[in-house]
Protein backbone atom coordinates (compact mmCIF):
# COMPACT_ATOMS: atom_id res chain seq x y z
CA MET A 1 23.75 -5.59 -7.91
CA ASP A 2 21.45 -7.91 -5.96
CA SER A 3 20.37 -5.60 -3.18
CA PHE A 4 20.51 -1.92 -2.25
CA GLN A 5 18.66 0.87 -0.40
CA LYS A 6 17.69 4.38 -1.56
CA ASN A 7 15.72 7.33 -0.11
CA VAL A 8 12.59 7.92 -2.14
CA MET A 9 9.59 10.22 -2.31
CA ILE A 10 6.37 8.23 -2.39
CA LYS A 11 3.04 9.46 -3.70
CA LEU A 12 0.15 7.36 -2.33
CA ARG A 13 -3.26 7.87 -3.85
CA THR A 14 -6.40 5.96 -2.89
CA ILE A 15 -9.90 6.10 -4.24
CA ILE A 16 -12.77 4.34 -2.47
CA ASN A 17 -15.99 3.96 -4.44
CA ASP A 18 -18.88 3.22 -2.10
CA GLY A 19 -21.93 2.78 -4.34
CA GLY A 20 -21.08 5.81 -6.48
CA GLN A 21 -19.77 7.97 -3.58
CA LYS A 22 -16.09 8.47 -4.19
CA GLU A 23 -13.52 9.34 -1.52
CA HIS A 24 -10.10 10.48 -2.73
CA ASN A 25 -6.95 10.67 -0.66
CA GLU A 26 -3.45 11.62 -1.70
CA GLN A 27 -0.28 11.79 0.39
CA LEU A 28 3.33 12.67 -0.44
CA LEU A 29 5.75 10.87 1.89
CA ALA A 30 9.50 10.40 2.35
CA GLY A 31 10.58 6.80 2.73
CA SER A 32 13.12 4.16 1.91
CA TYR A 33 13.23 1.74 -1.00
CA PHE A 34 15.04 -1.61 -0.82
CA ARG A 35 15.57 -4.19 -3.56
CA LYS A 36 16.55 -7.69 -2.75
CA LYS A 37 16.52 -10.12 -5.73
CA ASP A 38 12.91 -10.33 -6.95
CA LEU A 39 11.53 -8.42 -3.90
CA ASP A 40 10.94 -4.63 -3.74
CA VAL A 41 10.25 -3.07 -0.32
CA LEU A 42 9.06 0.40 0.64
CA ILE A 43 9.12 1.69 4.18
CA PHE A 44 7.53 4.95 5.28
CA GLU A 45 5.64 6.61 8.14
CA GLU A 46 2.23 8.23 7.93
CA LYS A 47 1.04 10.89 10.33
CA MET A 48 -2.62 10.48 11.15
CA ASP A 49 -5.10 13.32 11.66
CA ASP A 50 -4.81 12.91 15.47
CA GLY A 51 -0.98 13.24 15.31
CA SER A 52 -0.33 9.52 15.87
CA VAL A 53 2.13 7.70 13.56
CA VAL A 54 1.62 4.57 11.52
CA LYS A 55 4.64 2.69 10.10
CA ASN A 56 4.10 1.08 6.71
CA LEU A 57 6.07 -1.78 5.12
CA ILE A 58 5.06 -2.66 1.59
CA THR A 59 6.63 -5.67 -0.19
CA ILE A 60 6.08 -6.10 -3.89
CA GLN A 61 6.59 -9.33 -5.78
CA LYS A 62 5.19 -10.62 -9.06
CA ASN A 63 1.34 -10.77 -8.67
CA LYS A 64 1.66 -10.35 -4.85
CA VAL A 65 1.77 -7.26 -2.64
CA SER A 66 1.74 -7.16 1.12
CA ILE A 67 1.07 -4.04 3.20
CA ASN A 68 2.03 -4.28 6.87
CA ARG A 69 0.97 -1.37 9.05
CA SER A 70 1.83 -0.89 12.73
CA GLY A 71 1.38 1.79 15.31
CA ALA A 72 -1.90 3.73 15.78
CA VAL A 73 -3.47 1.14 13.44
CA SER A 74 -2.21 -2.30 12.57
CA MET A 75 -2.94 -4.78 9.85
CA ASN A 76 -1.23 -7.09 7.43
CA GLN A 77 -3.08 -6.88 4.17
CA LYS A 78 -2.16 -9.21 1.32
CA PHE A 79 -3.08 -8.70 -2.29
CA LEU A 80 -2.95 -11.75 -4.60
CA ALA A 81 -4.22 -11.14 -8.14
CA GLY A 82 -7.55 -12.89 -8.71
CA GLN A 83 -7.84 -14.13 -5.09
CA ILE A 84 -9.62 -13.33 -1.79
CA THR A 85 -7.45 -12.70 1.28
CA GLU A 86 -8.55 -11.94 4.84
CA ASN A 87 -7.02 -9.94 7.74
CA VAL A 88 -7.94 -8.02 10.82
CA TYR A 89 -7.62 -4.21 10.98
CA HIS A 90 -6.84 -3.01 14.51
CA HIS A 91 -7.47 0.62 15.50
CA ALA A 92 -8.17 2.72 18.58
CA HIS A 93 -11.87 1.87 18.51
CA GLY A 94 -11.58 -1.91 18.10
CA LYS A 95 -10.96 -4.29 15.24
CA LEU A 96 -12.55 -4.96 11.86
CA HIS A 97 -12.53 -8.13 9.83
CA MET A 98 -11.39 -7.34 6.25
CA GLU A 99 -12.09 -9.52 3.24
CA THR A 100 -10.13 -8.33 0.20
CA PHE A 101 -10.60 -9.46 -3.37
CA THR A 102 -7.76 -8.34 -5.61
CA LYS A 103 -8.88 -7.78 -9.18
CA THR A 104 -5.57 -6.60 -10.68
CA ILE A 105 -2.04 -5.65 -9.66
CA GLY A 106 -0.01 -3.59 -12.04
CA TYR A 107 3.62 -2.76 -11.27
CA SER A 108 6.34 -1.28 -13.44
CA LYS A 109 9.75 0.02 -12.47
CA SER A 110 12.60 1.67 -14.24
CA SER A 111 15.71 -0.37 -15.09
CA GLU A 112 17.83 2.78 -15.23
CA SER A 113 16.74 4.55 -12.03
CA VAL A 114 14.98 4.01 -8.77
CA GLU A 115 11.37 4.74 -9.60
CA GLY A 116 8.23 2.73 -9.95
CA ASP A 117 4.50 2.76 -10.33
CA MET A 118 2.02 0.30 -8.78
CA THR A 119 -1.73 0.18 -9.08
CA ILE A 120 -3.99 -2.25 -7.28
CA ASN A 121 -7.71 -2.57 -7.99
CA TYR A 122 -9.63 -4.45 -5.33
CA THR A 123 -12.80 -4.71 -3.28
CA VAL A 124 -13.10 -4.80 0.54
CA LYS A 125 -15.83 -6.07 2.76
CA LEU A 126 -15.54 -4.79 6.38
CA ASN A 127 -17.26 -7.01 8.99
CA GLY A 128 -19.34 -8.60 6.27
CA GLN A 129 -20.88 -5.33 5.06
CA ASP A 130 -21.35 -4.54 1.35
CA LYS A 131 -18.07 -4.51 -0.59
CA ARG A 132 -16.58 -1.23 -1.63
CA LYS A 133 -14.30 -0.69 -4.68
CA HIS A 134 -10.79 0.51 -3.98
CA THR A 135 -7.96 1.75 -6.20
CA LEU A 136 -4.54 2.20 -4.69
CA ARG A 137 -1.91 3.89 -6.78
CA LEU A 138 1.63 4.23 -5.37
CA THR A 139 4.51 5.86 -7.23
CA TYR A 140 8.04 6.30 -5.95
CA LYS A 141 11.16 8.06 -7.17
CA GLU A 142 14.63 8.37 -5.75
CA GLU A 143 15.13 11.71 -3.91
CA GLU A 144 17.45 14.07 -5.69
CA VAL A 145 20.52 14.91 -3.67
CA GLN A 146 20.78 18.68 -3.14
């Protein structure tokens, strides 16, 4: 089976370490999972604090992850293990230049079911300010049919 789509529950956890000050965020979201050859794709919507919606498209390949966000905020952030990437983060109050250095990308998925676990450790500099350490952990699992 080369390609298919399933409904999944996604748990997205982020930790930002800004000089010892840690900010934790965790969300549980319904989404869709697609597999096409060596490419895994997750699509889901996030509701922001102000009620606006951000659409997320995450593509996962060996040593490369791309997060494309559109709506209330937009960006196309690429993670390449051991490399620096740049993008622009657009939001209601303007835009920020982001420089991302990806330390590690870990990704494992089940061969028997639709579930996976991805962890990305990286640093981000916003508009040339001091870099902050980030950890993004995303897990997904096929929704059980009731």
